[in-house]
């Protein structure tokens, strides 16, 4: 998942890494990515607009402090986004605001499902690419045969 500065082909610095940490933290806490769409153009538009949610029931057990941390890391405006130093001083990181509840049983199924979708999409794209290559090969063979036929007829 590319940060929107990369998608917009703008120069970028450490703020992109901070955004990526926000995305990774989001995934680790709920088991699925903050942005998702089958269509890449729609996915990129979501990323650029910063459209994500803390969906219930998946985020119900996650502290408000964790959500605040992620929101500051994934702020669309890189000038308003937390710096590394600010992130390290956030109460969720250096305080006692994280809940002690084990969320593994809540996160693991969603993470597995998300990974399965990603693998399925890769397999689909690979199959489509192979099919396209086969079509190109058949097309070039038929063009070569037509050229040979035309050449033989004119001799």
N, C-alpha and C. Protein backbone atom coordinates (compact mmCIF):
# COMPACT_ATOMS: atom_id res chain seq x y z
N UNK A 1 0.85 -1.16 0.00
CA UNK A 1 0.00 0.00 0.00
C UNK A 1 0.91 1.23 0.00
N UNK A 2 0.78 2.04 -1.01
CA UNK A 2 1.65 3.19 -1.16
C UNK A 2 1.07 4.43 -0.50
N UNK A 3 1.91 5.20 0.20
CA UNK A 3 1.45 6.48 0.75
C UNK A 3 1.03 7.42 -0.36
N UNK A 4 0.10 8.31 -0.05
CA UNK A 4 -0.44 9.16 -1.09
C UNK A 4 0.57 10.11 -1.70
N UNK A 5 1.64 10.51 -0.97
CA UNK A 5 2.66 11.36 -1.59
C UNK A 5 3.34 10.60 -2.73
N UNK A 6 3.52 9.30 -2.54
CA UNK A 6 4.13 8.47 -3.58
C UNK A 6 3.15 8.35 -4.75
N UNK A 7 1.87 8.10 -4.45
CA UNK A 7 0.86 7.97 -5.50
C UNK A 7 0.73 9.25 -6.31
N UNK A 8 0.87 10.39 -5.66
CA UNK A 8 0.76 11.67 -6.35
C UNK A 8 2.08 12.09 -7.00
N UNK A 9 3.08 11.26 -6.87
CA UNK A 9 4.41 11.50 -7.42
C UNK A 9 4.98 12.84 -6.95
N UNK A 10 4.79 13.11 -5.68
CA UNK A 10 5.35 14.31 -5.06
C UNK A 10 6.60 13.92 -4.29
N UNK A 11 7.52 14.87 -4.08
CA UNK A 11 8.68 14.56 -3.24
C UNK A 11 8.22 14.20 -1.83
N UNK A 12 8.94 13.31 -1.20
CA UNK A 12 8.54 12.90 0.14
C UNK A 12 9.75 12.61 1.01
N UNK A 13 9.51 12.62 2.31
CA UNK A 13 10.57 12.38 3.28
C UNK A 13 10.10 11.43 4.36
N UNK A 14 10.51 11.72 5.60
CA UNK A 14 10.19 10.85 6.73
C UNK A 14 8.70 10.76 7.00
N UNK A 15 7.95 11.77 6.62
CA UNK A 15 6.50 11.77 6.86
C UNK A 15 5.83 10.57 6.20
N UNK A 16 6.36 10.12 5.08
CA UNK A 16 5.82 8.94 4.40
C UNK A 16 6.04 7.70 5.26
N UNK A 17 7.20 7.62 5.89
CA UNK A 17 7.48 6.48 6.77
C UNK A 17 6.55 6.49 7.98
N UNK A 18 6.27 7.67 8.50
CA UNK A 18 5.36 7.79 9.64
C UNK A 18 3.96 7.33 9.22
N UNK A 19 3.52 7.74 8.03
CA UNK A 19 2.23 7.30 7.51
C UNK A 19 2.20 5.77 7.40
N UNK A 20 3.27 5.19 6.90
CA UNK A 20 3.35 3.73 6.77
C UNK A 20 3.27 3.03 8.12
N UNK A 21 3.88 3.62 9.14
CA UNK A 21 3.79 3.06 10.49
C UNK A 21 2.33 3.09 10.96
N UNK A 22 1.61 4.15 10.61
CA UNK A 22 0.19 4.22 10.94
C UNK A 22 -0.60 3.11 10.28
N UNK A 23 -0.32 2.85 9.01
CA UNK A 23 -1.01 1.78 8.28
C UNK A 23 -0.69 0.42 8.91
N UNK A 24 0.57 0.19 9.21
CA UNK A 24 0.98 -1.09 9.81
C UNK A 24 0.33 -1.26 11.18
N UNK A 25 0.30 -0.20 11.98
CA UNK A 25 -0.32 -0.27 13.30
C UNK A 25 -1.81 -0.58 13.16
N UNK A 26 -2.46 0.06 12.22
CA UNK A 26 -3.88 -0.19 11.95
C UNK A 26 -4.09 -1.68 11.68
N UNK A 27 -3.30 -2.23 10.77
CA UNK A 27 -3.43 -3.65 10.40
C UNK A 27 -3.17 -4.56 11.59
N UNK A 28 -2.15 -4.25 12.37
CA UNK A 28 -1.81 -5.10 13.51
C UNK A 28 -2.91 -5.10 14.57
N UNK A 29 -3.64 -4.00 14.69
CA UNK A 29 -4.67 -3.92 15.72
C UNK A 29 -6.02 -4.50 15.30
N UNK A 30 -6.29 -4.57 14.00
CA UNK A 30 -7.61 -5.09 13.59
C UNK A 30 -7.54 -6.26 12.63
N UNK A 31 -6.40 -6.42 11.94
CA UNK A 31 -6.25 -7.56 11.05
C UNK A 31 -6.59 -7.31 9.59
N UNK A 32 -6.92 -6.07 9.25
CA UNK A 32 -7.21 -5.76 7.84
C UNK A 32 -6.70 -4.34 7.55
N UNK A 33 -6.43 -4.03 6.27
CA UNK A 33 -5.88 -2.71 5.95
C UNK A 33 -6.92 -1.59 6.04
N UNK A 34 -6.46 -0.37 6.27
CA UNK A 34 -7.38 0.75 6.39
C UNK A 34 -8.04 1.13 5.07
N UNK A 35 -7.41 0.80 3.97
CA UNK A 35 -7.94 1.14 2.65
C UNK A 35 -8.12 -0.16 1.87
N UNK A 36 -9.28 -0.29 1.22
CA UNK A 36 -9.49 -1.49 0.41
C UNK A 36 -10.53 -1.20 -0.67
N UNK A 37 -10.22 -1.64 -1.87
CA UNK A 37 -11.18 -1.62 -2.97
C UNK A 37 -10.65 -2.57 -4.03
N UNK A 38 -11.53 -3.28 -4.69
CA UNK A 38 -11.13 -4.19 -5.76
C UNK A 38 -10.52 -3.42 -6.92
N UNK A 39 -10.97 -2.20 -7.11
CA UNK A 39 -10.51 -1.36 -8.20
C UNK A 39 -9.35 -0.49 -7.72
N UNK A 40 -8.19 -0.61 -8.38
CA UNK A 40 -7.00 0.12 -7.95
C UNK A 40 -7.20 1.63 -7.97
N UNK A 41 -7.91 2.15 -8.97
CA UNK A 41 -8.14 3.60 -9.04
C UNK A 41 -8.94 4.08 -7.83
N UNK A 42 -9.96 3.31 -7.44
CA UNK A 42 -10.75 3.66 -6.26
C UNK A 42 -9.91 3.54 -4.99
N UNK A 43 -9.08 2.51 -4.93
CA UNK A 43 -8.19 2.32 -3.78
C UNK A 43 -7.25 3.52 -3.64
N UNK A 44 -6.63 3.92 -4.74
CA UNK A 44 -5.71 5.06 -4.70
C UNK A 44 -6.45 6.34 -4.30
N UNK A 45 -7.68 6.50 -4.78
CA UNK A 45 -8.47 7.69 -4.41
C UNK A 45 -8.75 7.69 -2.91
N UNK A 46 -9.07 6.53 -2.33
CA UNK A 46 -9.29 6.44 -0.88
C UNK A 46 -8.03 6.85 -0.13
N UNK A 47 -6.89 6.36 -0.59
CA UNK A 47 -5.62 6.67 0.07
C UNK A 47 -5.34 8.17 0.00
N UNK A 48 -5.50 8.74 -1.17
CA UNK A 48 -5.22 10.17 -1.36
C UNK A 48 -6.14 11.03 -0.49
N UNK A 49 -7.41 10.63 -0.36
CA UNK A 49 -8.36 11.39 0.47
C UNK A 49 -8.26 11.03 1.95
N UNK A 50 -7.50 9.99 2.26
CA UNK A 50 -7.38 9.56 3.65
C UNK A 50 -8.67 9.00 4.21
N UNK A 51 -9.41 8.29 3.38
CA UNK A 51 -10.71 7.74 3.79
C UNK A 51 -10.55 6.36 4.42
N UNK A 52 -10.61 6.33 5.73
CA UNK A 52 -10.59 5.06 6.46
C UNK A 52 -11.45 5.24 7.70
N UNK A 53 -11.86 4.13 8.28
CA UNK A 53 -12.71 4.18 9.46
C UNK A 53 -12.24 3.16 10.48
N UNK A 54 -12.66 3.37 11.70
CA UNK A 54 -12.43 2.40 12.76
C UNK A 54 -13.76 1.65 12.94
N UNK A 55 -13.99 0.69 12.07
CA UNK A 55 -15.27 -0.01 11.98
C UNK A 55 -15.59 -0.84 13.21
N UNK A 56 -16.86 -0.76 13.61
CA UNK A 56 -17.38 -1.62 14.66
C UNK A 56 -17.79 -2.93 13.99
N UNK A 57 -17.63 -4.04 14.58
CA UNK A 57 -17.19 -4.32 15.95
C UNK A 57 -15.68 -4.51 16.07
N UNK A 58 -14.96 -4.43 14.96
CA UNK A 58 -13.54 -4.75 14.94
C UNK A 58 -12.70 -3.82 15.80
N UNK A 59 -13.14 -2.58 15.94
CA UNK A 59 -12.38 -1.59 16.70
C UNK A 59 -12.98 -1.32 18.08
N UNK A 60 -14.03 -2.01 18.43
CA UNK A 60 -14.70 -1.75 19.71
C UNK A 60 -13.79 -1.99 20.91
N UNK A 61 -12.92 -2.96 20.82
CA UNK A 61 -12.04 -3.30 21.94
C UNK A 61 -10.71 -2.55 21.92
N UNK A 62 -10.52 -1.70 20.92
CA UNK A 62 -9.27 -0.94 20.79
C UNK A 62 -9.44 0.42 21.47
N UNK A 63 -8.44 0.82 22.23
CA UNK A 63 -8.53 2.06 23.00
C UNK A 63 -8.63 3.29 22.11
N UNK A 64 -9.27 4.32 22.64
CA UNK A 64 -9.35 5.60 21.94
C UNK A 64 -7.95 6.18 21.73
N UNK A 65 -7.07 5.90 22.66
CA UNK A 65 -5.69 6.39 22.55
C UNK A 65 -4.99 5.77 21.34
N UNK A 66 -5.21 4.48 21.11
CA UNK A 66 -4.61 3.82 19.94
C UNK A 66 -5.17 4.41 18.65
N UNK A 67 -6.47 4.66 18.63
CA UNK A 67 -7.10 5.26 17.45
C UNK A 67 -6.56 6.67 17.21
N UNK A 68 -6.36 7.42 18.29
CA UNK A 68 -5.80 8.76 18.18
C UNK A 68 -4.38 8.71 17.61
N UNK A 69 -3.60 7.76 18.10
CA UNK A 69 -2.23 7.57 17.62
C UNK A 69 -2.22 7.32 16.11
N UNK A 70 -3.06 6.39 15.67
CA UNK A 70 -3.14 6.05 14.25
C UNK A 70 -3.60 7.26 13.44
N UNK A 71 -4.61 7.96 13.92
CA UNK A 71 -5.13 9.13 13.21
C UNK A 71 -4.06 10.19 13.01
N UNK A 72 -3.22 10.40 14.01
CA UNK A 72 -2.14 11.38 13.88
C UNK A 72 -1.05 10.90 12.93
N UNK A 73 -0.82 9.60 12.87
CA UNK A 73 0.20 9.07 11.95
C UNK A 73 -0.29 9.08 10.51
N UNK A 74 -1.59 8.91 10.31
CA UNK A 74 -2.14 8.80 8.96
C UNK A 74 -2.82 10.09 8.50
N UNK A 75 -2.48 11.19 9.11
CA UNK A 75 -3.01 12.49 8.70
C UNK A 75 -2.61 12.76 7.25
N UNK A 76 -3.56 13.19 6.42
CA UNK A 76 -3.28 13.42 5.00
C UNK A 76 -2.24 14.50 4.75
N UNK A 77 -2.28 15.54 5.53
CA UNK A 77 -1.34 16.64 5.35
C UNK A 77 -0.03 16.29 6.05
N UNK A 78 1.04 16.06 5.28
CA UNK A 78 2.31 15.67 5.90
C UNK A 78 2.86 16.71 6.87
N UNK A 79 2.46 17.97 6.70
CA UNK A 79 2.91 19.02 7.63
C UNK A 79 2.18 18.95 8.97
N UNK A 80 1.00 18.35 8.97
CA UNK A 80 0.22 18.20 10.20
C UNK A 80 0.43 16.82 10.84
N UNK A 81 0.97 15.89 10.08
CA UNK A 81 1.19 14.53 10.56
C UNK A 81 2.24 14.54 11.66
N UNK A 82 2.09 13.63 12.60
CA UNK A 82 3.10 13.49 13.65
C UNK A 82 4.48 13.26 13.06
N UNK A 83 5.47 13.81 13.71
CA UNK A 83 6.86 13.47 13.39
C UNK A 83 7.20 12.20 14.16
N UNK A 84 8.35 11.63 13.89
CA UNK A 84 8.79 10.45 14.65
C UNK A 84 8.87 10.77 16.14
N UNK A 85 9.39 11.95 16.45
CA UNK A 85 9.54 12.36 17.84
C UNK A 85 8.18 12.49 18.53
N UNK A 86 7.22 13.10 17.83
CA UNK A 86 5.88 13.24 18.40
C UNK A 86 5.23 11.87 18.60
N UNK A 87 5.42 10.98 17.65
CA UNK A 87 4.84 9.63 17.76
C UNK A 87 5.38 8.91 18.99
N UNK A 88 6.68 9.06 19.23
CA UNK A 88 7.30 8.37 20.36
C UNK A 88 6.85 8.92 21.71
N UNK A 89 6.32 10.15 21.72
CA UNK A 89 5.85 10.72 22.98
C UNK A 89 4.33 10.60 23.16
N UNK A 90 3.66 9.99 22.20
CA UNK A 90 2.21 9.82 22.30
C UNK A 90 1.89 8.93 23.51
N UNK A 91 0.83 9.25 24.25
CA UNK A 91 0.48 8.47 25.45
C UNK A 91 0.27 6.97 25.18
N UNK A 92 -0.20 6.62 24.00
CA UNK A 92 -0.41 5.19 23.71
C UNK A 92 0.92 4.45 23.62
N UNK A 93 1.98 5.16 23.22
CA UNK A 93 3.30 4.54 23.11
C UNK A 93 4.04 4.56 24.44
N UNK A 94 4.07 5.69 25.11
CA UNK A 94 4.90 5.78 26.32
C UNK A 94 4.10 5.78 27.63
N UNK A 95 2.79 5.69 27.52
CA UNK A 95 1.96 5.72 28.73
C UNK A 95 1.32 4.39 29.03
N UNK A 96 0.30 4.45 29.83
CA UNK A 96 -0.42 3.25 30.22
C UNK A 96 -1.85 3.28 29.69
N UNK A 97 -2.02 3.78 28.48
CA UNK A 97 -3.38 3.90 27.95
C UNK A 97 -3.81 2.69 27.14
N UNK A 98 -2.88 1.82 26.79
CA UNK A 98 -3.24 0.62 26.02
C UNK A 98 -4.02 -0.33 26.91
N UNK A 99 -5.02 -0.95 26.35
CA UNK A 99 -5.80 -1.93 27.10
C UNK A 99 -5.00 -3.21 27.23
N UNK A 100 -5.28 -3.95 28.27
CA UNK A 100 -4.54 -5.19 28.51
C UNK A 100 -5.25 -6.41 27.94
N UNK A 101 -6.38 -6.21 27.30
CA UNK A 101 -7.13 -7.33 26.74
C UNK A 101 -6.38 -7.94 25.56
N UNK A 102 -6.36 -9.28 25.51
CA UNK A 102 -5.73 -10.00 24.40
C UNK A 102 -6.66 -9.92 23.19
N UNK A 103 -6.19 -9.26 22.12
CA UNK A 103 -7.03 -9.09 20.93
C UNK A 103 -6.66 -10.07 19.82
N UNK A 104 -5.72 -10.97 20.09
CA UNK A 104 -5.29 -11.91 19.06
C UNK A 104 -6.46 -12.68 18.46
N UNK A 105 -7.35 -13.17 19.30
CA UNK A 105 -8.49 -13.96 18.80
C UNK A 105 -9.42 -13.11 17.92
N UNK A 106 -9.42 -11.80 18.12
CA UNK A 106 -10.24 -10.91 17.30
C UNK A 106 -9.55 -10.53 16.00
N UNK A 107 -8.23 -10.39 16.04
CA UNK A 107 -7.46 -9.90 14.89
C UNK A 107 -7.10 -11.02 13.92
N UNK A 108 -6.69 -12.17 14.44
CA UNK A 108 -6.16 -13.26 13.60
C UNK A 108 -7.09 -13.66 12.45
N UNK A 109 -8.39 -13.86 12.68
CA UNK A 109 -9.24 -14.26 11.55
C UNK A 109 -9.29 -13.22 10.43
N UNK A 110 -9.30 -11.94 10.79
CA UNK A 110 -9.36 -10.88 9.79
C UNK A 110 -8.04 -10.78 9.03
N UNK A 111 -6.94 -10.98 9.74
CA UNK A 111 -5.63 -10.95 9.11
C UNK A 111 -5.51 -12.09 8.11
N UNK A 112 -5.95 -13.28 8.50
CA UNK A 112 -5.91 -14.43 7.59
C UNK A 112 -6.79 -14.19 6.37
N UNK A 113 -7.97 -13.63 6.58
CA UNK A 113 -8.89 -13.35 5.48
C UNK A 113 -8.28 -12.31 4.53
N UNK A 114 -7.66 -11.28 5.10
CA UNK A 114 -7.04 -10.23 4.29
C UNK A 114 -5.89 -10.80 3.47
N UNK A 115 -5.07 -11.65 4.08
CA UNK A 115 -3.97 -12.27 3.35
C UNK A 115 -4.49 -13.21 2.27
N UNK A 116 -5.57 -13.93 2.55
CA UNK A 116 -6.15 -14.82 1.55
C UNK A 116 -6.66 -14.03 0.35
N UNK A 117 -7.31 -12.88 0.60
CA UNK A 117 -7.78 -12.03 -0.49
C UNK A 117 -6.62 -11.54 -1.34
N UNK A 118 -5.55 -11.13 -0.66
CA UNK A 118 -4.37 -10.62 -1.38
C UNK A 118 -3.77 -11.73 -2.25
N UNK A 119 -3.66 -12.93 -1.69
CA UNK A 119 -3.10 -14.05 -2.46
C UNK A 119 -4.01 -14.42 -3.63
N UNK A 120 -5.32 -14.37 -3.42
CA UNK A 120 -6.25 -14.67 -4.49
C UNK A 120 -6.10 -13.64 -5.60
N UNK A 121 -5.98 -12.38 -5.23
CA UNK A 121 -5.84 -11.32 -6.23
C UNK A 121 -4.55 -11.49 -7.02
N UNK A 122 -3.46 -11.87 -6.34
CA UNK A 122 -2.20 -12.12 -7.04
C UNK A 122 -2.35 -13.27 -8.02
N UNK A 123 -3.00 -14.34 -7.59
CA UNK A 123 -3.20 -15.50 -8.47
C UNK A 123 -4.06 -15.13 -9.67
N UNK A 124 -5.11 -14.35 -9.43
CA UNK A 124 -5.98 -13.91 -10.52
C UNK A 124 -5.19 -13.07 -11.51
N UNK A 125 -4.40 -12.11 -11.01
CA UNK A 125 -3.61 -11.25 -11.89
C UNK A 125 -2.57 -12.04 -12.67
N UNK A 126 -1.95 -13.03 -12.02
CA UNK A 126 -0.97 -13.87 -12.71
C UNK A 126 -1.64 -14.67 -13.82
N UNK A 127 -2.82 -15.22 -13.53
CA UNK A 127 -3.56 -15.98 -14.53
C UNK A 127 -3.95 -15.08 -15.70
N UNK A 128 -4.41 -13.88 -15.41
CA UNK A 128 -4.78 -12.94 -16.47
C UNK A 128 -3.56 -12.57 -17.32
N UNK A 129 -2.42 -12.39 -16.68
CA UNK A 129 -1.20 -12.05 -17.42
C UNK A 129 -0.77 -13.21 -18.32
N UNK A 130 -0.85 -14.42 -17.80
CA UNK A 130 -0.49 -15.60 -18.61
C UNK A 130 -1.44 -15.71 -19.80
N UNK A 131 -2.72 -15.52 -19.56
CA UNK A 131 -3.70 -15.59 -20.65
C UNK A 131 -3.40 -14.51 -21.70
N UNK A 132 -3.06 -13.33 -21.27
CA UNK A 132 -2.73 -12.24 -22.20
C UNK A 132 -1.50 -12.59 -23.02
N UNK A 133 -0.49 -13.17 -22.37
CA UNK A 133 0.72 -13.58 -23.09
C UNK A 133 0.40 -14.66 -24.12
N UNK A 134 -0.47 -15.60 -23.74
CA UNK A 134 -0.88 -16.64 -24.69
C UNK A 134 -1.59 -16.03 -25.89
N UNK A 135 -2.46 -15.06 -25.64
CA UNK A 135 -3.17 -14.39 -26.74
C UNK A 135 -2.20 -13.66 -27.65
N UNK A 136 -1.21 -12.99 -27.06
CA UNK A 136 -0.20 -12.29 -27.86
C UNK A 136 0.61 -13.28 -28.69
N UNK A 137 0.94 -14.41 -28.08
CA UNK A 137 1.71 -15.44 -28.79
C UNK A 137 0.90 -15.97 -29.97
N UNK A 138 -0.37 -16.29 -29.74
CA UNK A 138 -1.23 -16.77 -30.82
C UNK A 138 -1.38 -15.72 -31.91
N UNK A 139 -1.50 -14.48 -31.50
CA UNK A 139 -1.63 -13.39 -32.46
C UNK A 139 -0.37 -13.26 -33.32
N UNK A 140 0.80 -13.36 -32.69
CA UNK A 140 2.05 -13.25 -33.46
C UNK A 140 2.24 -14.45 -34.37
N UNK A 141 1.80 -15.64 -33.93
CA UNK A 141 1.89 -16.83 -34.78
C UNK A 141 0.99 -16.68 -36.00
N UNK A 142 -0.24 -16.19 -35.79
CA UNK A 142 -1.16 -16.04 -36.92
C UNK A 142 -0.68 -14.94 -37.86
N UNK A 143 -0.06 -13.89 -37.33
CA UNK A 143 0.50 -12.83 -38.19
C UNK A 143 1.67 -13.38 -39.00
N UNK A 144 2.50 -14.19 -38.37
CA UNK A 144 3.64 -14.79 -39.07
C UNK A 144 3.15 -15.73 -40.16
N UNK A 145 2.12 -16.51 -39.88
CA UNK A 145 1.56 -17.43 -40.87
C UNK A 145 0.95 -16.66 -42.03
N UNK A 146 0.25 -15.57 -41.72
CA UNK A 146 -0.35 -14.74 -42.77
C UNK A 146 0.73 -14.10 -43.63
N UNK A 147 1.79 -13.65 -43.00
CA UNK A 147 2.90 -13.04 -43.75
C UNK A 147 3.57 -14.08 -44.64
N UNK A 148 3.75 -15.28 -44.14
CA UNK A 148 4.37 -16.35 -44.92
C UNK A 148 3.47 -16.74 -46.09
N UNK A 149 2.16 -16.77 -45.86
CA UNK A 149 1.20 -17.11 -46.90
C UNK A 149 1.20 -16.05 -47.99
N UNK A 150 1.24 -14.78 -47.59
CA UNK A 150 1.28 -13.67 -48.55
C UNK A 150 2.57 -13.71 -49.34
N UNK A 151 3.67 -14.01 -48.67
CA UNK A 151 4.97 -14.08 -49.32
C UNK A 151 5.02 -15.23 -50.32
N UNK A 152 4.45 -16.37 -49.97
CA UNK A 152 4.44 -17.54 -50.86
C UNK A 152 3.54 -17.29 -52.06
N UNK A 153 2.42 -16.59 -51.85
CA UNK A 153 1.48 -16.32 -52.93
C UNK A 153 2.06 -15.33 -53.93
N UNK A 154 2.88 -14.42 -53.48
CA UNK A 154 3.45 -13.42 -54.39
C UNK A 154 4.67 -13.95 -55.13
N UNK A 155 5.18 -15.12 -54.75
CA UNK A 155 6.36 -15.70 -55.43
C UNK A 155 6.02 -16.44 -56.65
